[in-house]
């Protein structure tokens, strides 16, 4: 529904590859969670290789 309203949707709580695969099958375009990285501050994020990463 959100995408039909031209809103960006982010699937949260992705903790493993199986969940990510399922979300991709469902058409999810964005995801976040421990599978990608644990929570971190801005300085740590900028120093990591995650900036600009598309998952």
PDB file of N, CA and C in Angstrom:
ATOM      1  N   UNK A   1       0.813  -1.185   0.000  1.00  0.00           N
ATOM      2  CA  UNK A   1       0.000   0.000   0.000  1.00  0.00           C
ATOM      3  C   UNK A   1       0.864   1.260   0.000  1.00  0.00           C
ATOM      4  N   UNK A   2       1.918   1.263   0.833  1.00  0.00           N
ATOM      5  CA  UNK A   2       2.778   2.446   0.912  1.00  0.00           C
ATOM      6  C   UNK A   2       3.422   2.753  -0.433  1.00  0.00           C
ATOM      7  N   UNK A   3       3.891   1.719  -1.121  1.00  0.00           N
ATOM      8  CA  UNK A   3       4.526   1.940  -2.410  1.00  0.00           C
ATOM      9  C   UNK A   3       3.542   2.485  -3.435  1.00  0.00           C
ATOM     10  N   UNK A   4       2.270   2.093  -3.349  1.00  0.00           N
ATOM     11  CA  UNK A   4       1.270   2.632  -4.266  1.00  0.00           C
ATOM     12  C   UNK A   4       1.043   4.119  -4.008  1.00  0.00           C
ATOM     13  N   UNK A   5       1.406   4.601  -2.813  1.00  0.00           N
ATOM     14  CA  UNK A   5       1.319   6.013  -2.472  1.00  0.00           C
ATOM     15  C   UNK A   5       2.644   6.728  -2.704  1.00  0.00           C
ATOM     16  N   UNK A   6       3.581   6.027  -3.362  1.00  0.00           N
ATOM     17  CA  UNK A   6       4.910   6.553  -3.682  1.00  0.00           C
ATOM     18  C   UNK A   6       5.725   6.860  -2.429  1.00  0.00           C
ATOM     19  N   UNK A   7       5.557   6.030  -1.394  1.00  0.00           N
ATOM     20  CA  UNK A   7       6.335   6.147  -0.170  1.00  0.00           C
ATOM     21  C   UNK A   7       7.429   5.089  -0.162  1.00  0.00           C
ATOM     22  N   UNK A   8       8.558   5.416   0.410  1.00  0.00           N
ATOM     23  CA  UNK A   8       9.651   4.462   0.521  1.00  0.00           C
ATOM     24  C   UNK A   8       9.371   3.508   1.679  1.00  0.00           C
ATOM     25  N   UNK A   9       9.625   2.213   1.465  1.00  0.00           N
ATOM     26  CA  UNK A   9       9.379   1.196   2.476  1.00  0.00           C
ATOM     27  C   UNK A   9      10.698   0.508   2.819  1.00  0.00           C
ATOM     28  N   UNK A  10      10.979   0.364   4.114  1.00  0.00           N
ATOM     29  CA  UNK A  10      12.183  -0.319   4.576  1.00  0.00           C
ATOM     30  C   UNK A  10      11.755  -1.465   5.487  1.00  0.00           C
ATOM     31  N   UNK A  11      12.137  -2.679   5.128  1.00  0.00           N
ATOM     32  CA  UNK A  11      11.864  -3.839   5.983  1.00  0.00           C
ATOM     33  C   UNK A  11      12.885  -3.833   7.107  1.00  0.00           C
ATOM     34  N   UNK A  12      12.418  -3.858   8.345  1.00  0.00           N
ATOM     35  CA  UNK A  12      13.300  -3.815   9.501  1.00  0.00           C
ATOM     36  C   UNK A  12      13.411  -5.183  10.163  1.00  0.00           C
ATOM     37  N   UNK A  13      14.507  -5.385  10.859  1.00  0.00           N
ATOM     38  CA  UNK A  13      14.674  -6.607  11.641  1.00  0.00           C
ATOM     39  C   UNK A  13      15.205  -7.789  10.864  1.00  0.00           C
ATOM     40  N   UNK A  14      15.893  -7.549   9.751  1.00  0.00           N
ATOM     41  CA  UNK A  14      16.454  -8.648   8.966  1.00  0.00           C
ATOM     42  C   UNK A  14      17.658  -9.200   9.720  1.00  0.00           C
ATOM     43  N   UNK A  15      17.567 -10.470  10.127  1.00  0.00           N
ATOM     44  CA  UNK A  15      18.636 -11.070  10.934  1.00  0.00           C
ATOM     45  C   UNK A  15      19.351 -12.219  10.254  1.00  0.00           C
ATOM     46  N   UNK A  16      18.863 -12.675   9.093  1.00  0.00           N
ATOM     47  CA  UNK A  16      19.542 -13.790   8.417  1.00  0.00           C
ATOM     48  C   UNK A  16      19.243 -13.754   6.921  1.00  0.00           C
ATOM     49  N   UNK A  17      20.019 -14.534   6.181  1.00  0.00           N
ATOM     50  CA  UNK A  17      19.894 -14.570   4.725  1.00  0.00           C
ATOM     51  C   UNK A  17      18.530 -15.092   4.275  1.00  0.00           C
ATOM     52  N   UNK A  18      17.964 -16.035   5.019  1.00  0.00           N
ATOM     53  CA  UNK A  18      16.663 -16.585   4.642  1.00  0.00           C
ATOM     54  C   UNK A  18      15.578 -15.506   4.674  1.00  0.00           C
ATOM     55  N   UNK A  19      15.626 -14.656   5.686  1.00  0.00           N
ATOM     56  CA  UNK A  19      14.663 -13.562   5.785  1.00  0.00           C
ATOM     57  C   UNK A  19      14.862 -12.577   4.642  1.00  0.00           C
ATOM     58  N   UNK A  20      16.101 -12.246   4.340  1.00  0.00           N
ATOM     59  CA  UNK A  20      16.388 -11.341   3.234  1.00  0.00           C
ATOM     60  C   UNK A  20      15.896 -11.925   1.915  1.00  0.00           C
ATOM     61  N   UNK A  21      16.137 -13.210   1.691  1.00  0.00           N
ATOM     62  CA  UNK A  21      15.668 -13.860   0.470  1.00  0.00           C
ATOM     63  C   UNK A  21      14.149 -13.788   0.354  1.00  0.00           C
ATOM     64  N   UNK A  22      13.455 -14.039   1.439  1.00  0.00           N
ATOM     65  CA  UNK A  22      11.995 -13.980   1.437  1.00  0.00           C
ATOM     66  C   UNK A  22      11.508 -12.567   1.123  1.00  0.00           C
ATOM     67  N   UNK A  23      12.133 -11.579   1.737  1.00  0.00           N
ATOM     68  CA  UNK A  23      11.749 -10.190   1.480  1.00  0.00           C
ATOM     69  C   UNK A  23      11.991  -9.814   0.019  1.00  0.00           C
ATOM     70  N   UNK A  24      13.090 -10.291  -0.548  1.00  0.00           N
ATOM     71  CA  UNK A  24      13.361 -10.018  -1.970  1.00  0.00           C
ATOM     72  C   UNK A  24      12.306 -10.664  -2.856  1.00  0.00           C
ATOM     73  N   UNK A  25      11.902 -11.894  -2.523  1.00  0.00           N
ATOM     74  CA  UNK A  25      10.840 -12.568  -3.277  1.00  0.00           C
ATOM     75  C   UNK A  25       9.539 -11.783  -3.201  1.00  0.00           C
ATOM     76  N   UNK A  26       9.311 -11.118  -2.069  1.00  0.00           N
ATOM     77  CA  UNK A  26       8.094 -10.333  -1.874  1.00  0.00           C
ATOM     78  C   UNK A  26       8.189  -8.956  -2.531  1.00  0.00           C
ATOM     79  N   UNK A  27       9.376  -8.624  -3.036  1.00  0.00           N
ATOM     80  CA  UNK A  27       9.550  -7.359  -3.746  1.00  0.00           C
ATOM     81  C   UNK A  27      10.067  -6.213  -2.903  1.00  0.00           C
ATOM     82  N   UNK A  28      10.562  -6.503  -1.697  1.00  0.00           N
ATOM     83  CA  UNK A  28      11.101  -5.438  -0.847  1.00  0.00           C
ATOM     84  C   UNK A  28      12.358  -4.852  -1.484  1.00  0.00           C
ATOM     85  N   UNK A  29      12.408  -3.549  -1.545  1.00  0.00           N
ATOM     86  CA  UNK A  29      13.538  -2.881  -2.166  1.00  0.00           C
ATOM     87  C   UNK A  29      14.618  -2.457  -1.193  1.00  0.00           C
ATOM     88  N   UNK A  30      14.259  -2.315   0.083  1.00  0.00           N
ATOM     89  CA  UNK A  30      15.213  -1.875   1.094  1.00  0.00           C
ATOM     90  C   UNK A  30      15.012  -2.683   2.374  1.00  0.00           C
ATOM     91  N   UNK A  31      16.110  -2.940   3.061  1.00  0.00           N
ATOM     92  CA  UNK A  31      16.027  -3.701   4.307  1.00  0.00           C
ATOM     93  C   UNK A  31      17.150  -3.260   5.242  1.00  0.00           C
ATOM     94  N   UNK A  32      16.926  -3.469   6.523  1.00  0.00           N
ATOM     95  CA  UNK A  32      17.967  -3.182   7.513  1.00  0.00           C
ATOM     96  C   UNK A  32      17.838  -4.167   8.662  1.00  0.00           C
ATOM     97  N   UNK A  33      18.913  -4.342   9.389  1.00  0.00           N
ATOM     98  CA  UNK A  33      18.884  -5.236  10.537  1.00  0.00           C
ATOM     99  C   UNK A  33      20.259  -5.783  10.853  1.00  0.00           C
ATOM    100  N   UNK A  34      20.312  -6.652  11.851  1.00  0.00           N
ATOM    101  CA  UNK A  34      21.566  -7.229  12.321  1.00  0.00           C
ATOM    102  C   UNK A  34      22.271  -8.047  11.247  1.00  0.00           C
ATOM    103  N   UNK A  35      21.551  -8.521  10.238  1.00  0.00           N
ATOM    104  CA  UNK A  35      22.191  -9.277   9.158  1.00  0.00           C
ATOM    105  C   UNK A  35      23.249  -8.420   8.456  1.00  0.00           C
ATOM    106  N   UNK A  36      22.982  -7.134   8.361  1.00  0.00           N
ATOM    107  CA  UNK A  36      23.905  -6.227   7.674  1.00  0.00           C
ATOM    108  C   UNK A  36      24.932  -5.655   8.640  1.00  0.00           C
ATOM    109  N   UNK A  37      24.485  -5.209   9.809  1.00  0.00           N
ATOM    110  CA  UNK A  37      25.396  -4.632  10.816  1.00  0.00           C
ATOM    111  C   UNK A  37      24.621  -4.359  12.092  1.00  0.00           C
ATOM    112  N   UNK A  38      25.335  -4.374  13.205  1.00  0.00           N
ATOM    113  CA  UNK A  38      24.740  -3.999  14.485  1.00  0.00           C
ATOM    114  C   UNK A  38      24.631  -2.468  14.531  1.00  0.00           C
ATOM    115  N   UNK A  39      23.751  -1.940  15.371  1.00  0.00           N
ATOM    116  CA  UNK A  39      23.629  -0.484  15.485  1.00  0.00           C
ATOM    117  C   UNK A  39      24.979   0.157  15.809  1.00  0.00           C
ATOM    118  N   UNK A  40      25.232   1.332  15.208  1.00  0.00           N
ATOM    119  CA  UNK A  40      26.495   2.030  15.442  1.00  0.00           C
ATOM    120  C   UNK A  40      26.270   3.532  15.339  1.00  0.00           C
ATOM    121  N   UNK A  41      27.172   4.261  15.919  1.00  0.00           N
ATOM    122  CA  UNK A  41      27.116   5.715  15.854  1.00  0.00           C
ATOM    123  C   UNK A  41      27.511   6.222  14.470  1.00  0.00           C
ATOM    124  N   UNK A  42      27.288   7.510  14.239  1.00  0.00           N
ATOM    125  CA  UNK A  42      27.568   8.110  12.939  1.00  0.00           C
ATOM    126  C   UNK A  42      29.034   7.965  12.535  1.00  0.00           C
ATOM    127  N   UNK A  43      29.950   8.231  13.449  1.00  0.00           N
ATOM    128  CA  UNK A  43      31.375   8.143  13.110  1.00  0.00           C
ATOM    129  C   UNK A  43      31.758   6.729  12.694  1.00  0.00           C
ATOM    130  N   UNK A  44      31.263   5.730  13.409  1.00  0.00           N
ATOM    131  CA  UNK A  44      31.559   4.343  13.058  1.00  0.00           C
ATOM    132  C   UNK A  44      30.939   3.986  11.708  1.00  0.00           C
ATOM    133  N   UNK A  45      29.738   4.472  11.448  1.00  0.00           N
ATOM    134  CA  UNK A  45      29.082   4.207  10.169  1.00  0.00           C
ATOM    135  C   UNK A  45      29.878   4.796   9.018  1.00  0.00           C
ATOM    136  N   UNK A  46      30.292   6.045   9.168  1.00  0.00           N
ATOM    137  CA  UNK A  46      31.052   6.699   8.104  1.00  0.00           C
ATOM    138  C   UNK A  46      32.400   6.029   7.862  1.00  0.00           C
ATOM    139  N   UNK A  47      32.979   5.443   8.905  1.00  0.00           N
ATOM    140  CA  UNK A  47      34.268   4.760   8.767  1.00  0.00           C
ATOM    141  C   UNK A  47      34.112   3.337   8.220  1.00  0.00           C
ATOM    142  N   UNK A  48      32.893   2.835   8.183  1.00  0.00           N
ATOM    143  CA  UNK A  48      32.667   1.459   7.726  1.00  0.00           C
ATOM    144  C   UNK A  48      32.515   1.401   6.213  1.00  0.00           C
ATOM    145  N   UNK A  49      32.424   0.187   5.715  1.00  0.00           N
ATOM    146  CA  UNK A  49      32.212  -0.024   4.284  1.00  0.00           C
ATOM    147  C   UNK A  49      30.726  -0.046   3.940  1.00  0.00           C
ATOM    148  N   UNK A  50      29.865   0.258   4.915  1.00  0.00           N
ATOM    149  CA  UNK A  50      28.408   0.181   4.692  1.00  0.00           C
ATOM    150  C   UNK A  50      27.850   1.420   3.995  1.00  0.00           C
ATOM    151  N   UNK A  51      28.538   2.519   4.051  1.00  0.00           N
ATOM    152  CA  UNK A  51      28.029   3.742   3.422  1.00  0.00           C
ATOM    153  C   UNK A  51      27.946   3.515   1.926  1.00  0.00           C
ATOM    154  N   UNK A  52      26.754   3.683   1.399  1.00  0.00           N
ATOM    155  CA  UNK A  52      26.546   3.487  -0.030  1.00  0.00           C
ATOM    156  C   UNK A  52      26.256   2.053  -0.409  1.00  0.00           C
ATOM    157  N   UNK A  53      26.272   1.113   0.563  1.00  0.00           N
ATOM    158  CA  UNK A  53      26.031  -0.297   0.299  1.00  0.00           C
ATOM    159  C   UNK A  53      24.568  -0.525  -0.032  1.00  0.00           C
ATOM    160  N   UNK A  54      24.287  -1.342  -1.036  1.00  0.00           N
ATOM    161  CA  UNK A  54      22.918  -1.646  -1.445  1.00  0.00           C
ATOM    162  C   UNK A  54      22.437  -2.992  -0.964  1.00  0.00           C
ATOM    163  N   UNK A  55      23.183  -3.662  -0.113  1.00  0.00           N
ATOM    164  CA  UNK A  55      22.755  -4.954   0.461  1.00  0.00           C
ATOM    165  C   UNK A  55      22.712  -6.056  -0.491  1.00  0.00           C
TER     166      UNK A  55
END
